[in-house]
PDB file of N, CA and C in Angstrom:
ATOM      1  N   MET A   1     117.150 101.455  92.752  1.00  0.00           N
ATOM      2  CA  MET A   1     115.522 101.842  93.814  1.00  0.00           C
ATOM      3  C   MET A   1     117.054 102.590  94.939  1.00  0.00           C
ATOM      4  N   SER A   2     116.492 104.030  95.693  1.00  0.00           N
ATOM      5  CA  SER A   2     117.106 104.634  96.169  1.00  0.00           C
ATOM      6  C   SER A   2     117.421 104.033  97.451  1.00  0.00           C
ATOM      7  N   LYS A   3     118.498 104.577  98.036  1.00  0.00           N
ATOM      8  CA  LYS A   3     119.083 103.968  99.236  1.00  0.00           C
ATOM      9  C   LYS A   3     118.071 103.791 100.843  1.00  0.00           C
ATOM     10  N   PHE A   4     116.829 104.743 100.638  1.00  0.00           N
ATOM     11  CA  PHE A   4     116.095 104.823 101.849  1.00  0.00           C
ATOM     12  C   PHE A   4     115.564 103.417 101.557  1.00  0.00           C
ATOM     13  N   PHE A   5     114.794 103.419 100.175  1.00  0.00           N
ATOM     14  CA  PHE A   5     113.804 101.860 100.004  1.00  0.00           C
ATOM     15  C   PHE A   5     114.936 100.140  99.810  1.00  0.00           C
ATOM     16  N   GLU A   6     115.962 100.793 100.205  1.00  0.00           N
ATOM     17  CA  GLU A   6     117.379  99.617 100.018  1.00  0.00           C
ATOM     18  C   GLU A   6     117.489  99.102 101.245  1.00  0.00           C
ATOM     19  N   SER A   7     117.123 100.189 102.245  1.00  0.00           N
ATOM     20  CA  SER A   7     117.810  99.414 103.753  1.00  0.00           C
ATOM     21  C   SER A   7     116.754  97.817 104.635  1.00  0.00           C
ATOM     22  N   ASP A   8     116.973  97.198 104.605  1.00  0.00           N
ATOM     23  CA  ASP A   8     116.627  95.763 105.260  1.00  0.00           C
ATOM     24  C   ASP A   8     115.621  96.577 106.093  1.00  0.00           C
ATOM     25  N   GLU A   9     115.560  97.309 107.180  1.00  0.00           N
ATOM     26  CA  GLU A   9     114.746  97.950 108.141  1.00  0.00           C
ATOM     27  C   GLU A   9     113.503  98.709 107.363  1.00  0.00           C
ATOM     28  N   VAL A  10     113.387  99.201 106.139  1.00  0.00           N
ATOM     29  CA  VAL A  10     112.511  99.403 105.288  1.00  0.00           C
ATOM     30  C   VAL A  10     111.881  98.171 104.598  1.00  0.00           C
ATOM     31  N   GLN A  11     112.218  98.011 104.383  1.00  0.00           N
ATOM     32  CA  GLN A  11     111.555  96.828 103.536  1.00  0.00           C
ATOM     33  C   GLN A  11     110.476  95.685 104.604  1.00  0.00           C
ATOM     34  N   ALA A  12     111.521  95.785 105.771  1.00  0.00           N
ATOM     35  CA  ALA A  12     110.546  94.873 107.049  1.00  0.00           C
ATOM     36  C   ALA A  12     109.451  95.684 107.421  1.00  0.00           C
ATOM     37  N   GLU A  13     109.568  96.836 107.521  1.00  0.00           N
ATOM     38  CA  GLU A  13     108.832  97.454 107.505  1.00  0.00           C
ATOM     39  C   GLU A  13     107.303  97.844 107.385  1.00  0.00           C
ATOM     40  N   ILE A  14     108.026  98.274 105.461  1.00  0.00           N
ATOM     41  CA  ILE A  14     106.206  97.920 104.865  1.00  0.00           C
ATOM     42  C   ILE A  14     105.837  96.442 104.437  1.00  0.00           C
ATOM     43  N   ARG A  15     106.819  95.816 104.445  1.00  0.00           N
ATOM     44  CA  ARG A  15     105.676  93.899 104.516  1.00  0.00           C
ATOM     45  C   ARG A  15     105.360  93.810 105.868  1.00  0.00           C
ATOM     46  N   SER A  16     106.052  94.664 106.994  1.00  0.00           N
ATOM     47  CA  SER A  16     104.806  94.646 107.955  1.00  0.00           C
ATOM     48  C   SER A  16     104.048  95.620 108.006  1.00  0.00           C
ATOM     49  N   ILE A  17     104.084  96.525 107.524  1.00  0.00           N
ATOM     50  CA  ILE A  17     102.574  97.895 107.334  1.00  0.00           C
ATOM     51  C   ILE A  17     101.998  96.536 106.483  1.00  0.00           C
ATOM     52  N   PHE A  18     101.966  96.350 105.667  1.00  0.00           N
ATOM     53  CA  PHE A  18     100.788  95.779 104.091  1.00  0.00           C
ATOM     54  C   PHE A  18     100.417  94.298 104.829  1.00  0.00           C
ATOM     55  N   GLU A  19     101.385  93.464 105.707  1.00  0.00           N
ATOM     56  CA  GLU A  19     100.711  92.314 106.468  1.00  0.00           C
ATOM     57  C   GLU A  19      99.621  92.669 106.838  1.00  0.00           C
ATOM     58  N   ASN A  20      99.867  93.897 108.089  1.00  0.00           N
ATOM     59  CA  ASN A  20      99.112  94.320 109.205  1.00  0.00           C
ATOM     60  C   ASN A  20      97.613  94.532 108.291  1.00  0.00           C
ATOM     61  N   TYR A  21      97.840  95.443 107.173  1.00  0.00           N
ATOM     62  CA  TYR A  21      96.385  96.065 106.397  1.00  0.00           C
ATOM     63  C   TYR A  21      96.036  94.859 105.952  1.00  0.00           C
ATOM     64  N   HIS A  22      96.655  93.975 105.094  1.00  0.00           N
ATOM     65  CA  HIS A  22      95.292  92.709 104.844  1.00  0.00           C
ATOM     66  C   HIS A  22      94.981  92.299 105.480  1.00  0.00           C
ATOM     67  N   THR A  23      95.650  91.859 107.219  1.00  0.00           N
ATOM     68  CA  THR A  23      94.538  90.876 107.659  1.00  0.00           C
ATOM     69  C   THR A  23      93.523  91.714 108.636  1.00  0.00           C
ATOM     70  N   LEU A  24      93.728  93.410 108.482  1.00  0.00           N
ATOM     71  CA  LEU A  24      92.177  93.847 109.304  1.00  0.00           C
ATOM     72  C   LEU A  24      91.659  94.555 108.000  1.00  0.00           C
ATOM     73  N   ALA A  25      91.796  94.368 106.939  1.00  0.00           N
ATOM     74  CA  ALA A  25      91.320  94.383 105.504  1.00  0.00           C
ATOM     75  C   ALA A  25      90.188  93.323 105.474  1.00  0.00           C
ATOM     76  N   THR A  26      90.827  92.417 105.632  1.00  0.00           N
ATOM     77  CA  THR A  26      89.900  91.192 105.808  1.00  0.00           C
ATOM     78  C   THR A  26      88.852  91.398 106.719  1.00  0.00           C
ATOM     79  N   ALA A  27      89.578  91.329 107.689  1.00  0.00           N
ATOM     80  CA  ALA A  27      88.088  90.596 109.119  1.00  0.00           C
ATOM     81  C   ALA A  27      87.367  92.353 108.951  1.00  0.00           C
ATOM     82  N   THR A  28      87.496  93.245 108.469  1.00  0.00           N
ATOM     83  CA  THR A  28      86.405  94.320 108.469  1.00  0.00           C
ATOM     84  C   THR A  28      85.295  94.134 107.583  1.00  0.00           C
ATOM     85  N   ASP A  29      85.409  92.845 107.019  1.00  0.00           N
ATOM     86  CA  ASP A  29      83.676  92.236 106.247  1.00  0.00           C
ATOM     87  C   ASP A  29      83.196  91.169 107.365  1.00  0.00           C
ATOM     88  N   ARG A  30      83.855  90.914 108.491  1.00  0.00           N
ATOM     89  CA  ARG A  30      82.750  90.394 109.296  1.00  0.00           C
ATOM     90  C   ARG A  30      83.304  91.223 110.768  1.00  0.00           C
ATOM     91  N   LEU A  31      83.343  92.028 110.389  1.00  0.00           N
ATOM     92  CA  LEU A  31      82.954  92.780 111.595  1.00  0.00           C
ATOM     93  C   LEU A  31      81.595  93.096 112.654  1.00  0.00           C
ATOM     94  N   LYS A  32      80.297  93.288 111.939  1.00  0.00           N
ATOM     95  CA  LYS A  32      79.490  92.968 112.556  1.00  0.00           C
ATOM     96  C   LYS A  32      79.328  91.765 113.018  1.00  0.00           C
ATOM     97  N   TYR A  33      79.617  90.989 112.862  1.00  0.00           N
ATOM     98  CA  TYR A  33      79.341  88.963 113.339  1.00  0.00           C
ATOM     99  C   TYR A  33      79.819  89.442 114.252  1.00  0.00           C
ATOM    100  N   LEU A  34      81.475  90.413 114.781  1.00  0.00           N
ATOM    101  CA  LEU A  34      81.928  89.776 115.964  1.00  0.00           C
ATOM    102  C   LEU A  34      81.780  90.571 117.092  1.00  0.00           C
ATOM    103  N   THR A  35      82.130  89.861 118.294  1.00  0.00           N
ATOM    104  CA  THR A  35      81.763  90.031 119.610  1.00  0.00           C
ATOM    105  C   THR A  35      82.731  91.582 120.093  1.00  0.00           C
ATOM    106  N   LYS A  36      81.438  92.170 120.723  1.00  0.00           N
ATOM    107  CA  LYS A  36      82.024  93.597 121.672  1.00  0.00           C
ATOM    108  C   LYS A  36      83.514  93.293 121.740  1.00  0.00           C
ATOM    109  N   PRO A  37      84.163  92.763 122.651  1.00  0.00           N
ATOM    110  CA  PRO A  37      85.189  92.410 122.774  1.00  0.00           C
ATOM    111  C   PRO A  37      86.009  92.173 121.378  1.00  0.00           C
ATOM    112  N   LYS A  38      86.000  91.499 120.367  1.00  0.00           N
ATOM    113  CA  LYS A  38      86.432  91.689 119.094  1.00  0.00           C
ATOM    114  C   LYS A  38      86.396  92.583 118.376  1.00  0.00           C
ATOM    115  N   ARG A  39      85.419  92.999 118.271  1.00  0.00           N
ATOM    116  CA  ARG A  39      85.435  94.405 118.226  1.00  0.00           C
ATOM    117  C   ARG A  39      86.695  95.694 118.333  1.00  0.00           C
ATOM    118  N   LEU A  40      86.900  96.238 119.721  1.00  0.00           N
ATOM    119  CA  LEU A  40      87.750  96.294 120.103  1.00  0.00           C
ATOM    120  C   LEU A  40      88.731  96.161 120.452  1.00  0.00           C
ATOM    121  N   GLU A  41      89.368  95.500 119.823  1.00  0.00           N
ATOM    122  CA  GLU A  41      90.720  94.829 119.961  1.00  0.00           C
ATOM    123  C   GLU A  41      90.798  94.807 118.221  1.00  0.00           C
ATOM    124  N   HIS A  42      89.674  94.597 116.992  1.00  0.00           N
ATOM    125  CA  HIS A  42      89.782  95.187 115.989  1.00  0.00           C
ATOM    126  C   HIS A  42      90.399  96.595 115.638  1.00  0.00           C
ATOM    127  N   ILE A  43      89.526  97.960 116.247  1.00  0.00           N
ATOM    128  CA  ILE A  43      89.805  99.138 116.746  1.00  0.00           C
ATOM    129  C   ILE A  43      91.066  99.282 116.723  1.00  0.00           C
ATOM    130  N   ASP A  44      91.844  98.679 118.433  1.00  0.00           N
ATOM    131  CA  ASP A  44      93.057  98.443 118.510  1.00  0.00           C
ATOM    132  C   ASP A  44      94.253  98.569 118.018  1.00  0.00           C
ATOM    133  N   LYS A  45      93.925  97.364 117.388  1.00  0.00           N
ATOM    134  CA  LYS A  45      94.949  96.895 116.014  1.00  0.00           C
ATOM    135  C   LYS A  45      95.050  97.742 114.653  1.00  0.00           C
ATOM    136  N   THR A  46      94.043  98.212 114.878  1.00  0.00           N
ATOM    137  CA  THR A  46      93.674  99.537 113.432  1.00  0.00           C
ATOM    138  C   THR A  46      94.376 100.543 114.100  1.00  0.00           C
ATOM    139  N   LYS A  47      94.634 100.876 115.003  1.00  0.00           N
ATOM    140  CA  LYS A  47      95.315 102.463 115.717  1.00  0.00           C
ATOM    141  C   LYS A  47      96.476 102.150 115.534  1.00  0.00           C
ATOM    142  N   ALA A  48      97.058 100.402 116.031  1.00  0.00           N
ATOM    143  CA  ALA A  48      98.057 100.110 116.087  1.00  0.00           C
ATOM    144  C   ALA A  48      99.225 100.149 114.976  1.00  0.00           C
ATOM    145  N   LEU A  49      97.873 100.243 113.732  1.00  0.00           N
ATOM    146  CA  LEU A  49      98.288 100.238 112.604  1.00  0.00           C
ATOM    147  C   LEU A  49      98.554 101.489 111.601  1.00  0.00           C
ATOM    148  N   ILE A  50      97.834 101.983 112.426  1.00  0.00           N
ATOM    149  CA  ILE A  50      98.035 104.221 111.743  1.00  0.00           C
ATOM    150  C   ILE A  50      99.025 104.824 112.361  1.00  0.00           C
ATOM    151  N   GLU A  51      99.463 104.364 113.702  1.00  0.00           N
ATOM    152  CA  GLU A  51     100.536 104.582 114.432  1.00  0.00           C
ATOM    153  C   GLU A  51     101.672 104.115 113.620  1.00  0.00           C
ATOM    154  N   LYS A  52     101.711 102.918 113.258  1.00  0.00           N
ATOM    155  CA  LYS A  52     103.360 102.160 112.137  1.00  0.00           C
ATOM    156  C   LYS A  52     103.052 103.557 110.821  1.00  0.00           C
ATOM    157  N   GLN A  53     101.835 103.614 110.335  1.00  0.00           N
ATOM    158  CA  GLN A  53     101.835 104.087 109.259  1.00  0.00           C
ATOM    159  C   GLN A  53     102.823 105.824 108.929  1.00  0.00           C
ATOM    160  N   LYS A  54     102.412 106.341 110.582  1.00  0.00           N
ATOM    161  CA  LYS A  54     102.901 107.730 110.990  1.00  0.00           C
ATOM    162  C   LYS A  54     104.100 107.743 111.063  1.00  0.00           C
ATOM    163  N   ILE A  55     104.478 106.866 111.749  1.00  0.00           N
ATOM    164  CA  ILE A  55     105.896 106.562 111.948  1.00  0.00           C
ATOM    165  C   ILE A  55     106.967 106.573 110.560  1.00  0.00           C
ATOM    166  N   PHE A  56     106.302 105.533 109.750  1.00  0.00           N
ATOM    167  CA  PHE A  56     106.754 105.272 108.507  1.00  0.00           C
ATOM    168  C   PHE A  56     107.337 106.408 107.308  1.00  0.00           C
ATOM    169  N   PHE A  57     105.730 107.363 107.700  1.00  0.00           N
ATOM    170  CA  PHE A  57     105.365 108.431 106.803  1.00  0.00           C
ATOM    171  C   PHE A  57     106.627 109.625 107.039  1.00  0.00           C
ATOM    172  N   THR A  58     106.606 109.783 108.987  1.00  0.00           N
ATOM    173  CA  THR A  58     108.254 110.600 108.639  1.00  0.00           C
ATOM    174  C   THR A  58     109.005 110.588 108.623  1.00  0.00           C
ATOM    175  N   ARG A  59     109.675 109.140 108.383  1.00  0.00           N
ATOM    176  CA  ARG A  59     110.739 108.484 107.845  1.00  0.00           C
ATOM    177  C   ARG A  59     111.129 109.083 106.601  1.00  0.00           C
ATOM    178  N   LEU A  60     110.489 108.532 106.356  1.00  0.00           N
ATOM    179  CA  LEU A  60     110.026 108.990 104.588  1.00  0.00           C
ATOM    180  C   LEU A  60     110.166 110.128 104.181  1.00  0.00           C
ATOM    181  N   SER A  61     109.489 111.245 104.743  1.00  0.00           N
ATOM    182  CA  SER A  61     109.624 112.647 104.370  1.00  0.00           C
ATOM    183  C   SER A  61     111.152 113.030 105.330  1.00  0.00           C
ATOM    184  N   LEU A  62     111.372 112.402 106.229  1.00  0.00           N
ATOM    185  CA  LEU A  62     113.160 112.831 106.918  1.00  0.00           C
ATOM    186  C   LEU A  62     113.970 112.306 105.786  1.00  0.00           C
ATOM    187  N   ALA A  63     113.666 111.140 104.591  1.00  0.00           N
ATOM    188  CA  ALA A  63     114.561 110.619 103.974  1.00  0.00           C
ATOM    189  C   ALA A  63     114.437 111.928 102.451  1.00  0.00           C
ATOM    190  N   ALA A  64     113.268 112.392 102.709  1.00  0.00           N
ATOM    191  CA  ALA A  64     112.974 112.836 101.305  1.00  0.00           C
ATOM    192  C   ALA A  64     114.088 113.858 101.507  1.00  0.00           C
ATOM    193  N   SER A  65     114.859 114.749 102.018  1.00  0.00           N
ATOM    194  CA  SER A  65     115.468 115.724 102.075  1.00  0.00           C
ATOM    195  C   SER A  65     117.039 115.352 101.831  1.00  0.00           C
ATOM    196  N   GLU A  66     117.237 114.242 101.224  1.00  0.00           N
ATOM    197  CA  GLU A  66     118.429 113.423 101.369  1.00  0.00           C
ATOM    198  C   GLU A  66     118.219 112.547  99.109  1.00  0.00           C
ATOM    199  N   ASP A  67     116.715 112.249  99.710  1.00  0.00           N
ATOM    200  CA  ASP A  67     116.602 110.528  98.799  1.00  0.00           C
ATOM    201  C   ASP A  67     115.649 111.199  97.540  1.00  0.00           C
ATOM    202  N   GLU A  68     116.083 110.948  96.623  1.00  0.00           N
ATOM    203  CA  GLU A  68     114.596 111.434  95.608  1.00  0.00           C
ATOM    204  C   GLU A  68     113.599 110.661  94.973  1.00  0.00           C
ATOM    205  N   GLU A  69     113.793 109.332  95.744  1.00  0.00           N
ATOM    206  CA  GLU A  69     112.550 108.408  95.400  1.00  0.00           C
ATOM    207  C   GLU A  69     111.812 108.522  96.035  1.00  0.00           C
ATOM    208  N   ALA A  70     112.382 108.566  97.477  1.00  0.00           N
ATOM    209  CA  ALA A  70     111.426 109.159  98.809  1.00  0.00           C
ATOM    210  C   ALA A  70     110.465 110.259  98.423  1.00  0.00           C
ATOM    211  N   ALA A  71     111.775 111.279  97.855  1.00  0.00           N
ATOM    212  CA  ALA A  71     111.282 112.594  98.179  1.00  0.00           C
ATOM    213  C   ALA A  71     109.528 112.996  97.207  1.00  0.00           C
ATOM    214  N   ASP A  72     109.907 112.037  95.682  1.00  0.00           N
ATOM    215  CA  ASP A  72     108.759 112.197  95.238  1.00  0.00           C
ATOM    216  C   ASP A  72     107.821 111.315  95.548  1.00  0.00           C
ATOM    217  N   LEU A  73     107.735 109.889  96.036  1.00  0.00           N
ATOM    218  CA  LEU A  73     106.295 108.858  97.137  1.00  0.00           C
ATOM    219  C   LEU A  73     105.974 110.308  97.954  1.00  0.00           C
ATOM    220  N   LYS A  74     106.880 110.962  98.854  1.00  0.00           N
ATOM    221  CA  LYS A  74     106.039 111.807  99.580  1.00  0.00           C
ATOM    222  C   LYS A  74     105.324 112.667  99.021  1.00  0.00           C
ATOM    223  N   THR A  75     105.772 113.456  97.516  1.00  0.00           N
ATOM    224  CA  THR A  75     104.957 114.744  97.004  1.00  0.00           C
ATOM    225  C   THR A  75     103.861 113.784  96.831  1.00  0.00           C
ATOM    226  N   ARG A  76     104.332 112.971  95.711  1.00  0.00           N
ATOM    227  CA  ARG A  76     103.084 112.092  95.306  1.00  0.00           C
ATOM    228  C   ARG A  76     101.703 111.716  96.595  1.00  0.00           C
ATOM    229  N   ILE A  77     102.144 111.164  98.231  1.00  0.00           N
ATOM    230  CA  ILE A  77     101.165 111.108  98.923  1.00  0.00           C
ATOM    231  C   ILE A  77     100.642 112.188  99.224  1.00  0.00           C
ATOM    232  N   THR A  78     101.277 113.518  99.772  1.00  0.00           N
ATOM    233  CA  THR A  78     101.056 114.049  99.687  1.00  0.00           C
ATOM    234  C   THR A  78     100.124 114.911  98.900  1.00  0.00           C
ATOM    235  N   ALA A  79      99.486 114.693  97.835  1.00  0.00           N
ATOM    236  CA  ALA A  79      98.709 115.262  96.700  1.00  0.00           C
ATOM    237  C   ALA A  79      97.828 114.910  96.915  1.00  0.00           C
ATOM    238  N   MET A  80      98.179 113.089  96.902  1.00  0.00           N
ATOM    239  CA  MET A  80      96.398 112.623  97.538  1.00  0.00           C
ATOM    240  C   MET A  80      95.823 113.059  98.736  1.00  0.00           C
ATOM    241  N   ALA A  81      96.392 112.917  99.350  1.00  0.00           N
ATOM    242  CA  ALA A  81      95.733 113.305 101.156  1.00  0.00           C
ATOM    243  C   ALA A  81      95.057 114.562 100.401  1.00  0.00           C
ATOM    244  N   GLN A  82      95.798 115.626  99.972  1.00  0.00           N
ATOM    245  CA  GLN A  82      94.823 116.567  99.621  1.00  0.00           C
ATOM    246  C   GLN A  82      93.979 117.077  99.103  1.00  0.00           C
ATOM    247  N   THR A  83      93.713 115.721  98.151  1.00  0.00           N
ATOM    248  CA  THR A  83      92.856 115.177  96.901  1.00  0.00           C
ATOM    249  C   THR A  83      91.588 115.399  97.673  1.00  0.00           C
ATOM    250  N   PHE A  84      91.681 114.536  98.892  1.00  0.00           N
ATOM    251  CA  PHE A  84      90.563 114.017  99.822  1.00  0.00           C
ATOM    252  C   PHE A  84      90.484 115.084 100.982  1.00  0.00           C
ATOM    253  N   GLY A  85      91.011 116.441 100.767  1.00  0.00           N
ATOM    254  CA  GLY A  85      90.526 117.332 101.626  1.00  0.00           C
ATOM    255  C   GLY A  85      91.564 117.304 102.979  1.00  0.00           C
ATOM    256  N   TYR A  86      92.711 116.746 103.419  1.00  0.00           N
ATOM    257  CA  TYR A  86      93.917 116.696 104.220  1.00  0.00           C
ATOM    258  C   TYR A  86      94.537 117.819 103.911  1.00  0.00           C
ATOM    259  N   ARG A  87      95.228 117.853 104.626  1.00  0.00           N
ATOM    260  CA  ARG A  87      96.197 118.950 104.273  1.00  0.00           C
ATOM    261  C   ARG A  87      97.840 118.292 104.499  1.00  0.00           C
ATOM    262  N   ASP A  88      97.592 116.897 104.740  1.00  0.00           N
ATOM    263  CA  ASP A  88      98.578 115.972 104.340  1.00  0.00           C
ATOM    264  C   ASP A  88      99.039 114.463 104.428  1.00  0.00           C
ATOM    265  N   LEU A  89      98.961 113.305 104.605  1.00  0.00           N
ATOM    266  CA  LEU A  89      98.726 111.924 105.060  1.00  0.00           C
ATOM    267  C   LEU A  89      98.736 112.186 106.421  1.00  0.00           C
ATOM    268  N   LEU A  90      99.460 112.634 107.414  1.00  0.00           N
ATOM    269  CA  LEU A  90      99.522 112.951 108.383  1.00  0.00           C
ATOM    270  C   LEU A  90      98.551 113.312 109.327  1.00  0.00           C
ATOM    271  N   ASP A  91      97.863 114.962 108.692  1.00  0.00           N
ATOM    272  CA  ASP A  91      96.367 114.624 109.050  1.00  0.00           C
ATOM    273  C   ASP A  91      95.028 113.911 108.731  1.00  0.00           C
ATOM    274  N   CYS A  92      95.414 113.044 107.405  1.00  0.00           N
ATOM    275  CA  CYS A  92      94.754 111.931 107.271  1.00  0.00           C
ATOM    276  C   CYS A  92      94.821 110.733 108.369  1.00  0.00           C
ATOM    277  N   PHE A  93      95.711 111.020 108.595  1.00  0.00           N
ATOM    278  CA  PHE A  93      95.972 109.617 109.664  1.00  0.00           C
ATOM    279  C   PHE A  93      94.606 109.976 111.076  1.00  0.00           C
ATOM    280  N   ASP A  94      95.290 111.885 111.510  1.00  0.00           N
ATOM    281  CA  ASP A  94      94.671 112.049 112.844  1.00  0.00           C
ATOM    282  C   ASP A  94      93.393 111.814 112.662  1.00  0.00           C
ATOM    283  N   LYS A  95      92.571 112.115 111.419  1.00  0.00           N
ATOM    284  CA  LYS A  95      90.715 112.444 111.403  1.00  0.00           C
ATOM    285  C   LYS A  95      90.766 110.790 111.527  1.00  0.00           C
ATOM    286  N   MET A  96      91.770 109.755 110.667  1.00  0.00           N
ATOM    287  CA  MET A  96      90.931 108.105 111.271  1.00  0.00           C
ATOM    288  C   MET A  96      91.105 107.940 112.661  1.00  0.00           C
ATOM    289  N   PHE A  97      92.174 107.793 113.060  1.00  0.00           N
ATOM    290  CA  PHE A  97      92.436 107.923 114.610  1.00  0.00           C
ATOM    291  C   PHE A  97      91.365 108.369 115.675  1.00  0.00           C
ATOM    292  N   GLU A  98      91.107 109.913 114.820  1.00  0.00           N
ATOM    293  CA  GLU A  98      89.818 110.135 115.721  1.00  0.00           C
ATOM    294  C   GLU A  98      88.123 109.601 115.284  1.00  0.00           C
ATOM    295  N   THR A  99      88.269 109.235 114.178  1.00  0.00           N
ATOM    296  CA  THR A  99      87.374 108.239 113.973  1.00  0.00           C
ATOM    297  C   THR A  99      87.353 107.009 114.608  1.00  0.00           C
ATOM    298  N   LEU A 100      88.303 106.603 114.467  1.00  0.00           N
ATOM    299  CA  LEU A 100      88.102 104.983 115.726  1.00  0.00           C
ATOM    300  C   LEU A 100      87.875 105.195 117.135  1.00  0.00           C
ATOM    301  N   VAL A 101      88.132 106.048 117.501  1.00  0.00           N
ATOM    302  CA  VAL A 101      87.580 106.446 119.337  1.00  0.00           C
ATOM    303  C   VAL A 101      86.682 106.987 119.087  1.00  0.00           C
ATOM    304  N   LYS A 102      85.697 107.268 118.494  1.00  0.00           N
ATOM    305  CA  LYS A 102      84.234 107.217 118.918  1.00  0.00           C
ATOM    306  C   LYS A 102      84.224 106.441 118.317  1.00  0.00           C
ATOM    307  N   ALA A 103      84.460 105.495 117.394  1.00  0.00           N
ATOM    308  CA  ALA A 103      83.619 104.199 117.194  1.00  0.00           C
ATOM    309  C   ALA A 103      83.903 103.344 118.361  1.00  0.00           C
ATOM    310  N   GLU A 104      85.003 103.397 119.177  1.00  0.00           N
ATOM    311  CA  GLU A 104      85.108 102.904 120.220  1.00  0.00           C
ATOM    312  C   GLU A 104      84.616 103.160 121.264  1.00  0.00           C
ATOM    313  N   GLU A 105      84.105 104.714 121.633  1.00  0.00           N
ATOM    314  CA  GLU A 105      83.329 105.280 122.269  1.00  0.00           C
ATOM    315  C   GLU A 105      82.258 105.162 122.175  1.00  0.00           C
ATOM    316  N   LYS A 106      81.128 104.548 121.167  1.00  0.00           N
ATOM    317  CA  LYS A 106      80.155 104.434 120.721  1.00  0.00           C
ATOM    318  C   LYS A 106      80.407 102.614 121.018  1.00  0.00           C
ATOM    319  N   ILE A 107      80.986 101.955 121.371  1.00  0.00           N
ATOM    320  CA  ILE A 107      81.294 100.378 121.294  1.00  0.00           C
ATOM    321  C   ILE A 107      81.239 100.073 122.623  1.00  0.00           C
ATOM    322  N   ARG A 108      81.962 100.608 123.240  1.00  0.00           N
ATOM    323  CA  ARG A 108      81.348 100.350 124.876  1.00  0.00           C
ATOM    324  C   ARG A 108      81.110 100.843 125.923  1.00  0.00           C
TER     325      ARG A 108
END
């Protein structure tokens, strides 16, 4: 395992992102039954998760210059984002964030 992924801080952040994602994904099934304030709270939590992921991807990108595994993962993630028509993962996150802002405006 690479030094980047061996870091306790990186491992904790990966766990946190996964746990947040899992909680939000599970709640998404019930979204249409939630009250307006709860739907807005869900959107806020999703936006916070996107920000965490953006920070993590930026850290991964910085580590990629010195860490082969990080560079490989960054390359694969970027290729996947490009497959879906995005410049890179940060572009994808920005579009997701914009979509959430629009959904938030509709709910308000």
